[in-house]
Amino acid sequence: MQKKEYDIISFYKFCPIETIEDLRIQFKKNLIDHSIKGTIILSPEGINGTIAGSNGFFKSFSNFVFKKLKIENFDVINTSRTSFIPFNKPKVKIKKEVVPIEINTQSREGKHLSPEQWDEFISKEDVMVIDIRKPFEYEMGTFNKAINPNINNFREFKNYFSKDFLRKNNKKFAIFCTGGIRCEKAADHLKSIGMDEVYQLEGGILNYLNNIKEENSQWNGECYVFDQRVSVKHQSIQGSYSTCHACRMPISKKDKDSKHFIEGISCPKCFDKLTEDQKKRFAMRQFNIKHAKKND
């Protein structure tokens, strides 16, 4: 018997939206009616989402979105397949921005490079390669030569990339993120402070991994994804990372071999940050989980 597969689609579109509660309810109903799970963000500047469902579901969903938002396409779509739906339920949220950086983006105007163009571009000496994701994402995998701003809140991005930073680093910038949307906002900020030579990886890391063969790749490691797969490798194959149930951070096989890893209770990243009360609660939760599995 052939194993069932599901489509996972991440997408975004910058376009003016009247984010009223009724629109959120309509989107939520569509997800429920078609057994689609995942998260969609609606904001005055556009839509952003990652959702999963049965093979081929996205065509019908896209038609629904196009009609409701009066648009003709998405700016970016990244597609992968998996043997399970990596989300627990459908969510539709209304937010001020699709990505919180306090820069209003109404259209997609940056310079975008295909995965093939990207490899050639980042090999040049006058190019600074910048991974604008969070530090833990950078540590799991990144491109050759890439540096990381080491900021945990994307709003801090504007402080890192100041006019003073630009004066000290007179180079072209090649920026990238998971699916591309954080780069759209980042590029807008950099343009607003006078940086015109900013180039983005079209569709982000996910698009790159789906289109560049591993043996020719300038990517090293795995890419963190915001679902239960935790990480992916080339061709969107599920990676080797799992999640610590205490701190919710991704953990590697090496982390699991640590003396500080106790399943469901702690890992090397959080063992010294948890209170005794938290450890007791997590231990009880883990006991209940194991007990429930035995009774299945």
Protein backbone atom coordinates (compact mmCIF):
# COMPACT_ATOMS: atom_id res chain seq x y z
CA MET A 1 0.00 0.00 0.00
CA GLN A 2 1.43 3.37 -1.04
CA LYS A 3 2.16 5.74 1.82
CA LYS A 4 0.04 8.91 1.75
CA GLU A 5 1.82 12.19 1.19
CA TYR A 6 0.82 15.76 1.97
CA ASP A 7 1.77 19.11 0.48
CA ILE A 8 3.33 21.81 2.65
CA ILE A 9 3.11 25.26 1.09
CA SER A 10 4.65 28.49 2.34
CA PHE A 11 3.63 31.68 0.55
CA TYR A 12 3.35 35.44 0.86
CA LYS A 13 2.04 38.46 -0.98
CA PHE A 14 2.54 42.15 -0.29
CA CYS A 15 -0.73 43.92 -1.07
CA PRO A 16 -3.09 46.26 0.80
CA ILE A 17 -5.62 44.31 2.90
CA GLU A 18 -8.53 45.52 4.97
CA THR A 19 -7.88 43.25 7.93
CA ILE A 20 -11.35 42.98 9.40
CA GLU A 21 -12.46 40.20 11.72
CA ASP A 22 -14.93 38.89 9.16
CA LEU A 23 -12.07 38.22 6.73
CA ARG A 24 -10.20 36.24 9.38
CA ILE A 25 -13.33 34.14 10.01
CA GLN A 26 -13.76 33.44 6.29
CA PHE A 27 -10.15 32.27 5.98
CA LYS A 28 -10.46 30.08 9.08
CA LYS A 29 -13.64 28.48 7.73
CA ASN A 30 -11.95 27.71 4.41
CA LEU A 31 -9.09 25.95 6.19
CA ILE A 32 -11.45 23.89 8.34
CA ASP A 33 -13.77 22.99 5.45
CA HIS A 34 -10.83 21.65 3.40
CA SER A 35 -8.94 19.95 6.28
CA ILE A 36 -6.01 22.33 5.93
CA LYS A 37 -3.74 23.00 8.91
CA GLY A 38 -1.07 25.61 9.56
CA THR A 39 -0.86 29.35 10.15
CA ILE A 40 -1.90 32.34 8.05
CA ILE A 41 -1.12 35.96 8.96
CA LEU A 42 -3.25 38.75 7.57
CA SER A 43 -2.00 42.32 7.88
CA PRO A 44 -2.67 45.70 6.23
CA GLU A 45 0.46 45.13 4.11
CA GLY A 46 -0.32 41.59 2.92
CA ILE A 47 -0.62 37.89 3.65
CA ASN A 48 1.93 35.33 4.84
CA GLY A 49 1.39 31.67 5.63
CA THR A 50 2.57 28.09 5.82
CA ILE A 51 -0.14 25.45 5.52
CA ALA A 52 -0.44 21.74 4.78
CA GLY A 53 -3.10 19.47 3.30
CA SER A 54 -3.79 16.67 0.84
CA ASN A 55 -1.90 16.69 -2.46
CA GLY A 56 -3.20 19.38 -4.80
CA PHE A 57 -5.14 21.31 -2.17
CA PHE A 58 -3.35 24.59 -2.84
CA LYS A 59 -4.97 25.28 -6.22
CA SER A 60 -8.43 25.59 -4.70
CA PHE A 61 -7.09 27.54 -1.72
CA SER A 62 -5.23 29.95 -4.02
CA ASN A 63 -8.40 30.68 -5.98
CA PHE A 64 -10.16 31.46 -2.71
CA VAL A 65 -7.38 33.87 -1.67
CA PHE A 66 -7.19 35.57 -5.06
CA LYS A 67 -10.91 36.21 -5.02
CA LYS A 68 -11.03 37.48 -1.43
CA LEU A 69 -7.97 39.73 -1.66
CA LYS A 70 -8.50 40.75 -5.28
CA ILE A 71 -5.01 39.67 -6.35
CA GLU A 72 -3.75 37.54 -9.25
CA ASN A 73 -0.80 35.69 -7.72
CA PHE A 74 1.53 35.28 -4.76
CA ASP A 75 4.96 36.89 -4.62
CA VAL A 76 6.60 33.63 -3.53
CA ILE A 77 5.46 30.01 -3.18
CA ASN A 78 7.63 27.23 -1.71
CA THR A 79 6.36 23.66 -1.94
CA SER A 80 7.49 20.44 -0.29
CA ARG A 81 5.98 17.06 0.52
CA THR A 82 5.85 15.06 3.70
CA SER A 83 4.34 11.85 5.07
CA PHE A 84 2.44 13.70 7.79
CA ILE A 85 0.80 17.08 8.39
CA PRO A 86 3.26 18.92 10.67
CA PHE A 87 0.69 21.24 12.24
CA ASN A 88 -1.88 20.57 14.95
CA LYS A 89 -4.64 22.88 13.78
CA PRO A 90 -5.54 25.77 11.47
CA LYS A 91 -4.75 29.30 12.68
CA VAL A 92 -5.51 32.68 11.13
CA LYS A 93 -4.06 35.75 12.84
CA ILE A 94 -4.45 39.46 12.23
CA LYS A 95 -1.26 41.48 12.83
CA LYS A 96 0.04 44.97 12.10
CA GLU A 97 2.83 43.60 9.86
CA VAL A 98 3.59 40.29 8.19
CA VAL A 99 7.02 40.51 9.86
CA PRO A 100 7.51 42.85 12.87
CA ILE A 101 10.17 45.39 11.94
CA GLU A 102 8.04 48.56 11.88
CA ILE A 103 8.65 49.14 8.18
CA ASN A 104 5.51 49.35 6.06
CA THR A 105 5.83 47.38 2.82
CA GLN A 106 3.10 47.69 0.22
CA SER A 107 4.81 46.06 -2.75
CA ARG A 108 7.78 43.85 -3.56
CA GLU A 109 10.50 46.01 -5.08
CA GLY A 110 13.87 44.54 -4.04
CA LYS A 111 16.59 42.92 -6.16
CA HIS A 112 16.09 39.14 -6.26
CA LEU A 113 18.53 36.43 -7.32
CA SER A 114 17.61 32.91 -8.41
CA PRO A 115 19.37 30.03 -6.59
CA GLU A 116 21.72 29.65 -9.57
CA GLN A 117 22.54 33.38 -9.66
CA TRP A 118 22.95 33.37 -5.88
CA ASP A 119 25.83 30.87 -5.86
CA GLU A 120 27.81 32.92 -8.35
CA PHE A 121 27.04 36.23 -6.63
CA ILE A 122 28.03 35.24 -3.08
CA SER A 123 31.40 33.95 -4.34
CA LYS A 124 32.48 37.50 -5.24
CA GLU A 125 34.96 39.30 -2.98
CA ASP A 126 33.00 42.55 -2.86
CA VAL A 127 29.87 40.85 -1.49
CA MET A 128 28.97 40.48 2.19
CA VAL A 129 26.68 37.49 2.79
CA ILE A 130 24.27 38.10 5.67
CA ASP A 131 22.03 35.51 7.32
CA ILE A 132 19.27 37.65 8.84
CA ARG A 133 17.64 34.81 10.78
CA LYS A 134 17.95 34.22 14.51
CA PRO A 135 21.25 32.88 15.94
CA PHE A 136 19.92 29.37 16.63
CA GLU A 137 18.80 29.07 12.99
CA TYR A 138 22.23 30.24 11.81
CA GLU A 139 23.95 27.66 14.00
CA MET A 140 21.92 24.82 12.46
CA GLY A 141 23.01 25.68 8.93
CA THR A 142 23.98 28.57 6.68
CA PHE A 143 25.77 29.52 3.46
CA ASN A 144 29.52 29.75 2.96
CA LYS A 145 30.92 33.12 4.07
CA ALA A 146 27.67 34.11 5.81
CA ILE A 147 27.70 36.26 8.94
CA ASN A 148 24.83 36.63 11.40
CA PRO A 149 23.69 39.81 13.21
CA ASN A 150 23.12 37.72 16.35
CA ILE A 151 19.78 39.31 17.22
CA ASN A 152 16.85 37.42 18.73
CA ASN A 153 14.13 39.93 17.87
CA PHE A 154 13.69 41.02 14.28
CA ARG A 155 12.79 44.53 15.45
CA GLU A 156 16.43 44.88 16.57
CA PHE A 157 17.49 44.50 12.95
CA LYS A 158 17.19 48.24 12.37
CA ASN A 159 19.67 48.96 15.18
CA TYR A 160 22.25 46.51 13.81
CA PHE A 161 22.09 47.77 10.24
CA SER A 162 22.62 51.45 10.94
CA LYS A 163 24.12 54.11 8.69
CA ASP A 164 27.37 53.70 10.64
CA PHE A 165 27.42 49.97 9.78
CA LEU A 166 27.03 50.79 6.11
CA ARG A 167 29.93 53.26 6.19
CA LYS A 168 32.22 50.64 7.73
CA ASN A 169 31.17 47.90 5.31
CA ASN A 170 31.28 49.36 1.83
CA LYS A 171 30.20 46.21 0.02
CA LYS A 172 27.24 44.77 -1.79
CA PHE A 173 24.92 42.85 0.53
CA ALA A 174 23.53 39.39 -0.20
CA ILE A 175 20.80 38.69 2.38
CA PHE A 176 18.75 35.55 2.93
CA CYS A 177 16.23 33.96 5.28
CA THR A 178 14.06 30.83 5.35
CA GLY A 179 11.39 31.67 2.78
CA GLY A 180 12.24 35.21 1.71
CA ILE A 181 9.72 37.37 3.54
CA ARG A 182 12.04 38.60 6.30
CA CYS A 183 14.46 39.72 3.58
CA GLU A 184 11.75 41.74 1.85
CA LYS A 185 11.28 43.79 5.02
CA ALA A 186 15.01 43.98 5.73
CA ALA A 187 15.78 45.19 2.22
CA ASP A 188 13.18 47.94 2.59
CA HIS A 189 14.90 49.15 5.76
CA LEU A 190 18.34 49.07 4.17
CA LYS A 191 17.03 51.03 1.19
CA SER A 192 15.49 53.61 3.55
CA ILE A 193 18.95 54.36 5.04
CA GLY A 194 20.66 54.66 1.69
CA MET A 195 21.81 51.11 0.87
CA ASP A 196 20.88 50.31 -2.76
CA GLU A 197 23.19 47.35 -3.41
CA VAL A 198 21.08 44.79 -1.52
CA TYR A 199 20.31 41.45 -3.17
CA GLN A 200 17.91 38.83 -1.87
CA LEU A 201 17.79 35.08 -2.40
CA GLU A 202 14.54 34.51 -4.32
CA GLY A 203 12.23 32.30 -2.23
CA GLY A 204 14.82 32.01 0.53
CA ILE A 205 16.70 28.92 1.66
CA LEU A 206 13.74 26.64 0.97
CA ASN A 207 13.71 27.56 -2.70
CA TYR A 208 17.49 27.12 -2.87
CA LEU A 209 17.44 23.67 -1.27
CA ASN A 210 14.70 22.55 -3.64
CA ASN A 211 16.59 23.65 -6.75
CA ILE A 212 20.32 23.18 -6.14
CA LYS A 213 21.85 19.72 -5.95
CA GLU A 214 23.64 18.99 -2.71
CA GLU A 215 26.95 18.20 -4.40
CA ASN A 216 26.99 21.66 -6.01
CA SER A 217 25.63 23.54 -3.02
CA GLN A 218 27.17 26.34 -0.99
CA TRP A 219 24.80 25.53 1.87
CA ASN A 220 26.12 23.74 4.95
CA GLY A 221 23.91 22.03 7.55
CA GLU A 222 20.14 22.00 7.89
CA CYS A 223 17.43 24.65 7.67
CA TYR A 224 15.10 25.29 10.60
CA VAL A 225 11.41 25.29 9.67
CA PHE A 226 8.49 26.51 11.76
CA ASP A 227 6.60 23.23 12.00
CA GLN A 228 6.90 19.75 13.48
CA ARG A 229 9.54 18.67 10.96
CA VAL A 230 11.91 21.05 12.82
CA SER A 231 14.51 21.07 10.05
CA VAL A 232 14.92 20.15 6.37
CA LYS A 233 17.80 19.33 4.06
CA HIS A 234 18.15 19.45 0.26
CA GLN A 235 14.97 18.58 -1.64
CA SER A 236 13.04 19.40 1.56
CA ILE A 237 13.89 16.04 3.11
CA GLN A 238 13.19 16.11 6.84
CA GLY A 239 16.33 16.78 8.85
CA SER A 240 17.84 15.25 11.98
CA TYR A 241 16.75 17.84 14.56
CA SER A 242 13.98 17.45 17.11
CA THR A 243 12.52 19.82 19.71
CA CYS A 244 13.24 20.12 23.41
CA HIS A 245 9.85 19.95 25.15
CA ALA A 246 11.11 22.21 27.93
CA CYS A 247 12.50 25.24 26.05
CA ARG A 248 11.05 24.48 22.58
CA MET A 249 14.45 24.96 20.96
CA PRO A 250 15.75 22.61 18.22
CA ILE A 251 18.16 19.96 19.47
CA SER A 252 20.64 17.83 17.54
CA LYS A 253 21.72 14.24 18.01
CA LYS A 254 24.80 15.60 19.80
CA ASP A 255 22.54 17.52 22.21
CA LYS A 256 20.69 14.29 23.00
CA ASP A 257 23.96 12.58 23.89
CA SER A 258 24.69 15.26 26.48
CA LYS A 259 24.36 14.50 30.19
CA HIS A 260 22.15 17.56 30.40
CA PHE A 261 19.53 16.08 28.10
CA ILE A 262 16.63 14.47 29.91
CA GLU A 263 13.77 13.66 27.57
CA GLY A 264 10.86 16.02 28.07
CA ILE A 265 12.61 17.83 30.94
CA SER A 266 15.78 19.61 29.82
CA CYS A 267 18.51 19.92 27.20
CA PRO A 268 22.00 21.52 27.07
CA LYS A 269 20.42 24.82 26.08
CA CYS A 270 18.06 25.14 29.03
CA PHE A 271 19.16 22.83 31.87
CA ASP A 272 20.75 25.70 33.81
CA LYS A 273 17.89 28.13 33.16
CA LEU A 274 15.03 26.05 34.54
CA THR A 275 13.77 26.32 38.10
CA GLU A 276 13.31 23.22 40.22
CA ASP A 277 9.57 23.75 40.06
CA GLN A 278 9.67 23.77 36.26
CA LYS A 279 11.73 20.58 36.17
CA LYS A 280 9.24 18.86 38.46
CA ARG A 281 6.32 19.94 36.28
CA PHE A 282 8.08 18.81 33.11
CA ALA A 283 8.97 15.48 34.74
CA MET A 284 5.33 14.92 35.66
CA ARG A 285 4.23 15.81 32.15
CA GLN A 286 6.75 13.39 30.65
CA PHE A 287 5.58 10.65 33.03
CA ASN A 288 1.98 11.19 31.93
CA ILE A 289 2.99 11.10 28.25
CA LYS A 290 4.81 7.76 28.67
CA HIS A 291 1.95 6.37 30.72
CA ALA A 292 -0.57 7.36 28.04
CA LYS A 293 1.53 5.70 25.32
CA LYS A 294 1.65 2.45 27.26
CA ASN A 295 -2.13 2.44 27.45
CA ASP A 296 -2.67 3.09 23.73
